[in-house]
Amino acid sequence: MANNTINPEALLVQMRALASQAQSKPVDASAVEKGDDFAKLLQQSINKVNELQQTGSAKAQSFQKGDPNMQLSEVMVSLQKADVSFKAMVEVRNKLVSAYQEIMNMQV
């Protein structure tokens, strides 16, 4: 049977990292010093969202097929993670488009 426990400390660390990303502050200085650029970070984020969506879909299909090791709570949490990450990615995209439009409308 799958382990359905949530580690509060790990969850808090993830929440702080996401909050820091949302505020456009780097999580740690070492990542910036290594030369990680915005495009690479954006690509990694898109890949992570895609991975979460595929995982959620796979778990839902397993549950629908009657897999005895797949619990409904695990499926629901996985699907919610995918949904929240997708919505966050859409908001990031919207902010990028808005910033681009603002820059393009600036008088030179």
C-alpha atoms as a PDB file:
ATOM      1  CA  MET A   1       0.000   0.000   0.000  1.00  0.00           C
ATOM      2  CA  ALA A   2       1.223   3.483  -0.845  1.00  0.00           C
ATOM      3  CA  ASN A   3       2.472   5.855   1.827  1.00  0.00           C
ATOM      4  CA  ASN A   4      -0.015   8.741   2.112  1.00  0.00           C
ATOM      5  CA  THR A   5       1.708  10.780   4.797  1.00  0.00           C
ATOM      6  CA  ILE A   6       2.609  14.406   4.192  1.00  0.00           C
ATOM      7  CA  ASN A   7       5.847  15.772   5.597  1.00  0.00           C
ATOM      8  CA  PRO A   8       4.951  19.231   6.973  1.00  0.00           C
ATOM      9  CA  GLU A   9       8.532  20.480   6.869  1.00  0.00           C
ATOM     10  CA  ALA A  10       8.988  19.518   3.220  1.00  0.00           C
ATOM     11  CA  LEU A  11       5.636  21.055   2.349  1.00  0.00           C
ATOM     12  CA  LEU A  12       6.596  24.308   4.077  1.00  0.00           C
ATOM     13  CA  VAL A  13       9.917  24.430   2.202  1.00  0.00           C
ATOM     14  CA  GLN A  14       8.112  23.909  -1.111  1.00  0.00           C
ATOM     15  CA  MET A  15       5.557  26.591  -0.279  1.00  0.00           C
ATOM     16  CA  ARG A  16       8.305  29.078   0.591  1.00  0.00           C
ATOM     17  CA  ALA A  17      10.169  28.285  -2.622  1.00  0.00           C
ATOM     18  CA  LEU A  18       7.032  28.819  -4.689  1.00  0.00           C
ATOM     19  CA  ALA A  19       6.248  32.060  -2.854  1.00  0.00           C
ATOM     20  CA  SER A  20       9.775  33.249  -3.514  1.00  0.00           C
ATOM     21  CA  GLN A  21       9.433  32.403  -7.218  1.00  0.00           C
ATOM     22  CA  ALA A  22       6.110  34.211  -7.373  1.00  0.00           C
ATOM     23  CA  GLN A  23       7.764  37.326  -5.971  1.00  0.00           C
ATOM     24  CA  SER A  24      10.573  37.013  -8.545  1.00  0.00           C
ATOM     25  CA  LYS A  25      13.178  36.501  -5.850  1.00  0.00           C
ATOM     26  CA  PRO A  26      15.778  33.772  -6.325  1.00  0.00           C
ATOM     27  CA  VAL A  27      15.425  30.868  -3.915  1.00  0.00           C
ATOM     28  CA  ASP A  28      19.160  30.578  -3.422  1.00  0.00           C
ATOM     29  CA  ALA A  29      22.123  32.597  -4.602  1.00  0.00           C
ATOM     30  CA  SER A  30      24.037  29.537  -5.861  1.00  0.00           C
ATOM     31  CA  ALA A  31      21.482  28.947  -8.639  1.00  0.00           C
ATOM     32  CA  VAL A  32      21.938  32.507  -9.875  1.00  0.00           C
ATOM     33  CA  GLU A  33      25.736  32.329  -9.637  1.00  0.00           C
ATOM     34  CA  LYS A  34      25.802  29.198 -11.791  1.00  0.00           C
ATOM     35  CA  GLY A  35      24.386  31.205 -14.670  1.00  0.00           C
ATOM     36  CA  ASP A  36      20.901  29.704 -14.787  1.00  0.00           C
ATOM     37  CA  ASP A  37      19.028  31.970 -17.121  1.00  0.00           C
ATOM     38  CA  PHE A  38      15.363  32.772 -17.343  1.00  0.00           C
ATOM     39  CA  ALA A  39      14.684  30.631 -20.406  1.00  0.00           C
ATOM     40  CA  LYS A  40      16.130  27.558 -18.728  1.00  0.00           C
ATOM     41  CA  LEU A  41      14.109  28.195 -15.575  1.00  0.00           C
ATOM     42  CA  LEU A  42      10.949  28.674 -17.618  1.00  0.00           C
ATOM     43  CA  GLN A  43      11.563  25.459 -19.562  1.00  0.00           C
ATOM     44  CA  GLN A  44      12.125  23.524 -16.338  1.00  0.00           C
ATOM     45  CA  SER A  45       8.887  24.924 -14.931  1.00  0.00           C
ATOM     46  CA  ILE A  46       6.938  23.921 -18.028  1.00  0.00           C
ATOM     47  CA  ASN A  47       8.436  20.438 -17.891  1.00  0.00           C
ATOM     48  CA  LYS A  48       7.493  20.114 -14.215  1.00  0.00           C
ATOM     49  CA  VAL A  49       3.892  21.164 -14.915  1.00  0.00           C
ATOM     50  CA  ASN A  50       3.741  18.634 -17.740  1.00  0.00           C
ATOM     51  CA  GLU A  51       5.169  15.926 -15.480  1.00  0.00           C
ATOM     52  CA  LEU A  52       2.599  16.667 -12.763  1.00  0.00           C
ATOM     53  CA  GLN A  53      -0.232  16.508 -15.292  1.00  0.00           C
ATOM     54  CA  GLN A  54       0.979  13.200 -16.711  1.00  0.00           C
ATOM     55  CA  THR A  55       1.389  11.735 -13.215  1.00  0.00           C
ATOM     56  CA  GLY A  56      -2.098  12.820 -12.210  1.00  0.00           C
ATOM     57  CA  SER A  57      -3.581  11.386 -15.378  1.00  0.00           C
ATOM     58  CA  ALA A  58      -1.742   8.077 -14.941  1.00  0.00           C
ATOM     59  CA  LYS A  59      -2.903   7.774 -11.318  1.00  0.00           C
ATOM     60  CA  ALA A  60      -6.490   8.549 -12.316  1.00  0.00           C
ATOM     61  CA  GLN A  61      -6.384   5.886 -15.024  1.00  0.00           C
ATOM     62  CA  SER A  62      -4.944   3.348 -12.576  1.00  0.00           C
ATOM     63  CA  PHE A  63      -7.706   4.118 -10.101  1.00  0.00           C
ATOM     64  CA  GLN A  64     -10.355   3.837 -12.811  1.00  0.00           C
ATOM     65  CA  LYS A  65      -8.989   0.441 -13.827  1.00  0.00           C
ATOM     66  CA  GLY A  66      -9.422  -0.733 -10.235  1.00  0.00           C
ATOM     67  CA  ASP A  67      -5.801  -0.866  -9.081  1.00  0.00           C
ATOM     68  CA  PRO A  68      -6.023  -1.900  -5.399  1.00  0.00           C
ATOM     69  CA  ASN A  69      -2.816   0.023  -4.549  1.00  0.00           C
ATOM     70  CA  MET A  70      -4.187   3.332  -5.825  1.00  0.00           C
ATOM     71  CA  GLN A  71      -6.185   5.309  -3.276  1.00  0.00           C
ATOM     72  CA  LEU A  72      -8.702   7.978  -4.199  1.00  0.00           C
ATOM     73  CA  SER A  73      -7.024  10.516  -1.901  1.00  0.00           C
ATOM     74  CA  GLU A  74      -3.703  10.009  -3.679  1.00  0.00           C
ATOM     75  CA  VAL A  75      -5.380  10.497  -7.065  1.00  0.00           C
ATOM     76  CA  MET A  76      -7.182  13.637  -5.937  1.00  0.00           C
ATOM     77  CA  VAL A  77      -4.047  15.205  -4.436  1.00  0.00           C
ATOM     78  CA  SER A  78      -2.095  14.443  -7.597  1.00  0.00           C
ATOM     79  CA  LEU A  79      -4.779  15.972  -9.803  1.00  0.00           C
ATOM     80  CA  GLN A  80      -4.989  19.066  -7.586  1.00  0.00           C
ATOM     81  CA  LYS A  81      -1.211  19.528  -7.730  1.00  0.00           C
ATOM     82  CA  ALA A  82      -1.398  19.376 -11.518  1.00  0.00           C
ATOM     83  CA  ASP A  83      -4.288  21.851 -11.582  1.00  0.00           C
ATOM     84  CA  VAL A  84      -2.626  24.353  -9.253  1.00  0.00           C
ATOM     85  CA  SER A  85       0.702  24.163 -11.084  1.00  0.00           C
ATOM     86  CA  PHE A  86      -1.045  24.683 -14.440  1.00  0.00           C
ATOM     87  CA  LYS A  87      -2.977  27.686 -13.126  1.00  0.00           C
ATOM     88  CA  ALA A  88       0.253  29.148 -11.726  1.00  0.00           C
ATOM     89  CA  MET A  89       1.966  28.652 -15.088  1.00  0.00           C
ATOM     90  CA  VAL A  90      -0.922  30.413 -16.855  1.00  0.00           C
ATOM     91  CA  GLU A  91      -0.582  33.361 -14.461  1.00  0.00           C
ATOM     92  CA  VAL A  92       3.157  33.534 -15.128  1.00  0.00           C
ATOM     93  CA  ARG A  93       2.450  33.528 -18.852  1.00  0.00           C
ATOM     94  CA  ASN A  94      -0.130  36.282 -18.427  1.00  0.00           C
ATOM     95  CA  LYS A  95       2.359  38.410 -16.474  1.00  0.00           C
ATOM     96  CA  LEU A  96       5.025  37.856 -19.137  1.00  0.00           C
ATOM     97  CA  VAL A  97       2.655  38.880 -21.916  1.00  0.00           C
ATOM     98  CA  SER A  98       1.599  41.931 -19.924  1.00  0.00           C
ATOM     99  CA  ALA A  99       5.217  42.929 -19.289  1.00  0.00           C
ATOM    100  CA  TYR A 100       6.064  42.424 -22.967  1.00  0.00           C
ATOM    101  CA  GLN A 101       3.125  44.583 -24.051  1.00  0.00           C
ATOM    102  CA  GLU A 102       4.119  47.280 -21.585  1.00  0.00           C
ATOM    103  CA  ILE A 103       7.693  47.302 -22.860  1.00  0.00           C
ATOM    104  CA  MET A 104       6.534  47.422 -26.471  1.00  0.00           C
ATOM    105  CA  ASN A 105       4.303  50.432 -25.703  1.00  0.00           C
ATOM    106  CA  MET A 106       7.147  52.421 -24.128  1.00  0.00           C
ATOM    107  CA  GLN A 107       8.244  55.539 -25.965  1.00  0.00           C
ATOM    108  CA  VAL A 108      11.899  55.494 -26.965  1.00  0.00           C
END
